[in-house]
Amino acid sequence: MTRFGVEHFLSLLNESFAGDGAHSLLGNLRDLRAGDWDWRPPGGERTVREIFEHAAIAKHLNAEHLFGAAKRVYAQVYDASPLRAQPGDTDALLAWAHEGHAAFVAGMASLDDADLDTPTRRWHGATQTKSFAIGATIQHDCYHAGEINHLRALRRGDDAWPPGLKGE
């Protein structure tokens, strides 16, 4: 039983969720101020809270469909979000996101490298290998981390490249 690939995915998964850098969901939430969570940029449709909730919903769905009963659809997990009962409760949302991430990590702990090439049915109906689905989950966290990073920068008026990064 080899686990090099699984361990590598676990490392990337944990970094994309809770790492210190700009590619991490939680890393981009650490210095948010209270008003940043629900600020909507001019012409924008989504807030940091809505983006983060979406990422948490996806993590719960992916954990359930890759490693669990695979019964719920997006709308059911959306309805289970703590924001339906407590719309502004950031702590409850963060705890729920941690639960979804922990469920995904626990599911991955049951895998070995041979499992990575097995087909799996995703929550949206597509059939892909477990490795593809795990990679997509990691990319999903990074993608939304970037969105949150950008919204925070727009809100604070510091959405500029640092000197030297723009090719100057």
C-alpha atoms as a PDB file:
ATOM      1  CA  MET A   1       0.000   0.000   0.000  1.00  0.00           C
ATOM      2  CA  THR A   2       1.663   3.202  -1.197  1.00  0.00           C
ATOM      3  CA  ARG A   3       0.474   6.604  -0.085  1.00  0.00           C
ATOM      4  CA  PHE A   4       2.919   9.053  -1.662  1.00  0.00           C
ATOM      5  CA  GLY A   5       0.264  10.507  -3.998  1.00  0.00           C
ATOM      6  CA  VAL A   6      -2.412  10.614  -1.300  1.00  0.00           C
ATOM      7  CA  GLU A   7      -0.047  12.328   1.142  1.00  0.00           C
ATOM      8  CA  HIS A   8       0.921  14.856  -1.520  1.00  0.00           C
ATOM      9  CA  PHE A   9      -2.747  15.634  -2.206  1.00  0.00           C
ATOM     10  CA  LEU A  10      -3.375  15.943   1.554  1.00  0.00           C
ATOM     11  CA  SER A  11      -0.543  18.437   1.870  1.00  0.00           C
ATOM     12  CA  LEU A  12      -1.892  20.534  -1.016  1.00  0.00           C
ATOM     13  CA  LEU A  13      -5.451  20.264   0.307  1.00  0.00           C
ATOM     14  CA  ASN A  14      -4.490  21.483   3.767  1.00  0.00           C
ATOM     15  CA  GLU A  15      -2.378  24.293   2.327  1.00  0.00           C
ATOM     16  CA  SER A  16      -5.193  25.464   0.020  1.00  0.00           C
ATOM     17  CA  PHE A  17      -7.634  25.532   2.923  1.00  0.00           C
ATOM     18  CA  ALA A  18      -5.640  26.701   5.930  1.00  0.00           C
ATOM     19  CA  GLY A  19      -2.180  27.728   4.761  1.00  0.00           C
ATOM     20  CA  ASP A  20      -0.606  31.072   5.555  1.00  0.00           C
ATOM     21  CA  GLY A  21      -0.272  32.362   2.009  1.00  0.00           C
ATOM     22  CA  ALA A  22      -2.480  34.181  -0.455  1.00  0.00           C
ATOM     23  CA  HIS A  23      -3.531  30.882  -2.089  1.00  0.00           C
ATOM     24  CA  SER A  24      -5.348  29.748   1.051  1.00  0.00           C
ATOM     25  CA  LEU A  25      -9.006  30.289   1.900  1.00  0.00           C
ATOM     26  CA  LEU A  26      -8.427  30.846   5.607  1.00  0.00           C
ATOM     27  CA  GLY A  27      -5.229  32.777   4.946  1.00  0.00           C
ATOM     28  CA  ASN A  28      -7.269  35.375   3.085  1.00  0.00           C
ATOM     29  CA  LEU A  29      -9.815  35.650   5.890  1.00  0.00           C
ATOM     30  CA  ARG A  30      -7.368  36.243   8.738  1.00  0.00           C
ATOM     31  CA  ASP A  31      -7.187  40.019   8.516  1.00  0.00           C
ATOM     32  CA  LEU A  32     -10.749  40.721   7.415  1.00  0.00           C
ATOM     33  CA  ARG A  33     -12.561  43.418   9.325  1.00  0.00           C
ATOM     34  CA  ALA A  34     -16.208  43.026  10.307  1.00  0.00           C
ATOM     35  CA  GLY A  35     -17.498  45.140   7.406  1.00  0.00           C
ATOM     36  CA  ASP A  36     -15.365  43.293   4.849  1.00  0.00           C
ATOM     37  CA  TRP A  37     -17.421  40.102   5.081  1.00  0.00           C
ATOM     38  CA  ASP A  38     -20.575  41.567   3.526  1.00  0.00           C
ATOM     39  CA  TRP A  39     -19.162  44.356   1.358  1.00  0.00           C
ATOM     40  CA  ARG A  40     -20.262  44.166  -2.270  1.00  0.00           C
ATOM     41  CA  PRO A  41     -18.031  45.950  -4.784  1.00  0.00           C
ATOM     42  CA  PRO A  42     -19.682  48.418  -7.172  1.00  0.00           C
ATOM     43  CA  GLY A  43     -21.171  46.323  -9.953  1.00  0.00           C
ATOM     44  CA  GLY A  44     -20.350  43.130  -8.036  1.00  0.00           C
ATOM     45  CA  GLU A  45     -22.761  40.411  -7.039  1.00  0.00           C
ATOM     46  CA  ARG A  46     -20.915  38.386  -4.387  1.00  0.00           C
ATOM     47  CA  THR A  47     -19.521  39.127  -0.954  1.00  0.00           C
ATOM     48  CA  VAL A  48     -16.647  37.435   0.854  1.00  0.00           C
ATOM     49  CA  ARG A  49     -19.196  35.701   3.099  1.00  0.00           C
ATOM     50  CA  GLU A  50     -21.104  34.319   0.092  1.00  0.00           C
ATOM     51  CA  ILE A  51     -17.928  33.146  -1.659  1.00  0.00           C
ATOM     52  CA  PHE A  52     -16.607  31.485   1.478  1.00  0.00           C
ATOM     53  CA  GLU A  53     -19.955  29.822   2.156  1.00  0.00           C
ATOM     54  CA  HIS A  54     -19.967  28.493  -1.421  1.00  0.00           C
ATOM     55  CA  ALA A  55     -16.473  27.028  -0.910  1.00  0.00           C
ATOM     56  CA  ALA A  56     -17.618  25.391   2.351  1.00  0.00           C
ATOM     57  CA  ILE A  57     -20.707  23.946   0.660  1.00  0.00           C
ATOM     58  CA  ALA A  58     -18.533  22.475  -2.094  1.00  0.00           C
ATOM     59  CA  LYS A  59     -16.170  20.904   0.456  1.00  0.00           C
ATOM     60  CA  HIS A  60     -19.107  19.246   2.267  1.00  0.00           C
ATOM     61  CA  LEU A  61     -20.543  18.003  -1.039  1.00  0.00           C
ATOM     62  CA  ASN A  62     -17.221  16.714  -2.322  1.00  0.00           C
ATOM     63  CA  ALA A  63     -16.522  14.906   0.956  1.00  0.00           C
ATOM     64  CA  GLU A  64     -19.919  13.242   0.901  1.00  0.00           C
ATOM     65  CA  HIS A  65     -19.812  12.265  -2.764  1.00  0.00           C
ATOM     66  CA  LEU A  66     -16.210  11.058  -2.838  1.00  0.00           C
ATOM     67  CA  PHE A  67     -16.139   9.298   0.521  1.00  0.00           C
ATOM     68  CA  GLY A  68     -19.678   9.062   1.919  1.00  0.00           C
ATOM     69  CA  ALA A  69     -23.292   8.281   1.130  1.00  0.00           C
ATOM     70  CA  ALA A  70     -23.501  10.638  -1.880  1.00  0.00           C
ATOM     71  CA  LYS A  71     -27.151  11.440  -1.268  1.00  0.00           C
ATOM     72  CA  ARG A  72     -27.403  15.218  -0.942  1.00  0.00           C
ATOM     73  CA  VAL A  73     -27.418  17.736  -3.772  1.00  0.00           C
ATOM     74  CA  TYR A  74     -26.116  21.318  -3.683  1.00  0.00           C
ATOM     75  CA  ALA A  75     -29.440  22.836  -2.579  1.00  0.00           C
ATOM     76  CA  GLN A  76     -29.680  20.471   0.399  1.00  0.00           C
ATOM     77  CA  VAL A  77     -26.176  21.307   1.608  1.00  0.00           C
ATOM     78  CA  TYR A  78     -26.870  25.003   1.002  1.00  0.00           C
ATOM     79  CA  ASP A  79     -29.944  24.689   3.225  1.00  0.00           C
ATOM     80  CA  ALA A  80     -27.774  23.016   5.901  1.00  0.00           C
ATOM     81  CA  SER A  81     -25.346  25.966   6.004  1.00  0.00           C
ATOM     82  CA  PRO A  82     -25.409  27.764   9.354  1.00  0.00           C
ATOM     83  CA  LEU A  83     -26.066  30.998   7.466  1.00  0.00           C
ATOM     84  CA  ARG A  84     -29.651  29.916   6.779  1.00  0.00           C
ATOM     85  CA  ALA A  85     -30.399  29.999  10.531  1.00  0.00           C
ATOM     86  CA  GLN A  86     -27.824  32.617  11.595  1.00  0.00           C
ATOM     87  CA  PRO A  87     -27.126  34.870   8.580  1.00  0.00           C
ATOM     88  CA  GLY A  88     -24.302  36.937  10.058  1.00  0.00           C
ATOM     89  CA  ASP A  89     -22.661  34.310  12.264  1.00  0.00           C
ATOM     90  CA  THR A  90     -19.108  34.215  10.951  1.00  0.00           C
ATOM     91  CA  ASP A  91     -17.927  31.883  13.722  1.00  0.00           C
ATOM     92  CA  ALA A  92     -20.602  29.312  12.874  1.00  0.00           C
ATOM     93  CA  LEU A  93     -19.701  29.515   9.175  1.00  0.00           C
ATOM     94  CA  LEU A  94     -15.992  29.075   9.921  1.00  0.00           C
ATOM     95  CA  ALA A  95     -16.704  26.089  12.175  1.00  0.00           C
ATOM     96  CA  TRP A  96     -18.918  24.510   9.501  1.00  0.00           C
ATOM     97  CA  ALA A  97     -16.210  25.025   6.857  1.00  0.00           C
ATOM     98  CA  HIS A  98     -13.694  23.334   9.175  1.00  0.00           C
ATOM     99  CA  GLU A  99     -16.121  20.405   9.583  1.00  0.00           C
ATOM    100  CA  GLY A 100     -16.402  19.987   5.813  1.00  0.00           C
ATOM    101  CA  HIS A 101     -12.635  20.132   5.413  1.00  0.00           C
ATOM    102  CA  ALA A 102     -12.140  17.620   8.241  1.00  0.00           C
ATOM    103  CA  ALA A 103     -14.640  15.246   6.597  1.00  0.00           C
ATOM    104  CA  PHE A 104     -12.751  15.493   3.316  1.00  0.00           C
ATOM    105  CA  VAL A 105      -9.394  14.878   5.043  1.00  0.00           C
ATOM    106  CA  ALA A 106     -10.856  11.904   6.929  1.00  0.00           C
ATOM    107  CA  GLY A 107     -12.094  10.448   3.654  1.00  0.00           C
ATOM    108  CA  MET A 108      -8.674  10.850   2.112  1.00  0.00           C
ATOM    109  CA  ALA A 109      -7.097   9.074   5.083  1.00  0.00           C
ATOM    110  CA  SER A 110      -8.884   5.919   3.964  1.00  0.00           C
ATOM    111  CA  LEU A 111      -7.218   5.970   0.531  1.00  0.00           C
ATOM    112  CA  ASP A 112      -4.009   4.570  -0.818  1.00  0.00           C
ATOM    113  CA  ASP A 113      -2.451   5.495  -4.145  1.00  0.00           C
ATOM    114  CA  ALA A 114      -4.211   2.669  -6.017  1.00  0.00           C
ATOM    115  CA  ASP A 115      -7.545   4.291  -5.144  1.00  0.00           C
ATOM    116  CA  LEU A 116      -6.647   7.536  -6.932  1.00  0.00           C
ATOM    117  CA  ASP A 117      -7.355   6.095 -10.387  1.00  0.00           C
ATOM    118  CA  THR A 118     -10.758   4.646  -9.478  1.00  0.00           C
ATOM    119  CA  PRO A 119     -13.780   6.338 -11.025  1.00  0.00           C
ATOM    120  CA  THR A 120     -16.137   8.262  -8.811  1.00  0.00           C
ATOM    121  CA  ARG A 121     -19.413  10.061  -9.419  1.00  0.00           C
ATOM    122  CA  ARG A 122     -19.259  13.737  -8.487  1.00  0.00           C
ATOM    123  CA  TRP A 123     -22.103  15.686  -6.873  1.00  0.00           C
ATOM    124  CA  HIS A 124     -22.924  17.336 -10.224  1.00  0.00           C
ATOM    125  CA  GLY A 125     -23.214  13.978 -11.986  1.00  0.00           C
ATOM    126  CA  ALA A 126     -19.888  13.750 -13.833  1.00  0.00           C
ATOM    127  CA  THR A 127     -17.807  10.606 -13.469  1.00  0.00           C
ATOM    128  CA  GLN A 128     -14.104  11.265 -12.949  1.00  0.00           C
ATOM    129  CA  THR A 129     -11.187   9.614 -11.209  1.00  0.00           C
ATOM    130  CA  LYS A 130     -10.749  10.259  -7.512  1.00  0.00           C
ATOM    131  CA  SER A 131      -7.445  12.008  -8.257  1.00  0.00           C
ATOM    132  CA  PHE A 132      -9.174  14.399 -10.670  1.00  0.00           C
ATOM    133  CA  ALA A 133     -11.941  15.121  -8.131  1.00  0.00           C
ATOM    134  CA  ILE A 134      -9.429  15.688  -5.317  1.00  0.00           C
ATOM    135  CA  GLY A 135      -7.387  17.997  -7.545  1.00  0.00           C
ATOM    136  CA  ALA A 136     -10.514  19.934  -8.495  1.00  0.00           C
ATOM    137  CA  THR A 137     -11.365  20.359  -4.796  1.00  0.00           C
ATOM    138  CA  ILE A 138      -7.908  21.777  -4.107  1.00  0.00           C
ATOM    139  CA  GLN A 139      -8.161  24.122  -7.105  1.00  0.00           C
ATOM    140  CA  HIS A 140     -11.621  25.223  -5.981  1.00  0.00           C
ATOM    141  CA  ASP A 141     -10.270  26.407  -2.631  1.00  0.00           C
ATOM    142  CA  CYS A 142      -7.404  28.269  -4.340  1.00  0.00           C
ATOM    143  CA  TYR A 143      -9.724  29.870  -6.874  1.00  0.00           C
ATOM    144  CA  HIS A 144     -12.049  31.247  -4.230  1.00  0.00           C
ATOM    145  CA  ALA A 145      -9.107  32.283  -2.045  1.00  0.00           C
ATOM    146  CA  GLY A 146      -8.044  34.503  -4.945  1.00  0.00           C
ATOM    147  CA  GLU A 147     -11.520  35.973  -5.243  1.00  0.00           C
ATOM    148  CA  ILE A 148     -11.581  36.768  -1.539  1.00  0.00           C
ATOM    149  CA  ASN A 149      -8.107  38.269  -1.759  1.00  0.00           C
ATOM    150  CA  HIS A 150      -9.214  40.530  -4.593  1.00  0.00           C
ATOM    151  CA  LEU A 151     -12.419  41.644  -2.864  1.00  0.00           C
ATOM    152  CA  ARG A 152     -10.466  42.464   0.285  1.00  0.00           C
ATOM    153  CA  ALA A 153      -7.956  44.498  -1.741  1.00  0.00           C
ATOM    154  CA  LEU A 154     -10.715  46.391  -3.556  1.00  0.00           C
ATOM    155  CA  ARG A 155     -12.474  47.124  -0.270  1.00  0.00           C
ATOM    156  CA  ARG A 156      -9.290  48.519   1.254  1.00  0.00           C
ATOM    157  CA  GLY A 157      -8.209  50.416  -1.834  1.00  0.00           C
ATOM    158  CA  ASP A 158      -4.867  48.620  -2.092  1.00  0.00           C
ATOM    159  CA  ASP A 159      -5.476  46.538  -5.205  1.00  0.00           C
ATOM    160  CA  ALA A 160      -2.135  47.344  -6.807  1.00  0.00           C
ATOM    161  CA  TRP A 161       0.824  45.194  -7.718  1.00  0.00           C
ATOM    162  CA  PRO A 162       3.745  45.603  -5.338  1.00  0.00           C
ATOM    163  CA  PRO A 163       6.750  47.328  -6.936  1.00  0.00           C
ATOM    164  CA  GLY A 164       8.691  44.922  -9.117  1.00  0.00           C
ATOM    165  CA  LEU A 165       5.852  42.469  -9.759  1.00  0.00           C
ATOM    166  CA  LYS A 166       4.315  44.407 -12.603  1.00  0.00           C
ATOM    167  CA  GLY A 167       7.395  44.164 -14.773  1.00  0.00           C
ATOM    168  CA  GLU A 168       8.641  47.633 -13.859  1.00  0.00           C
END
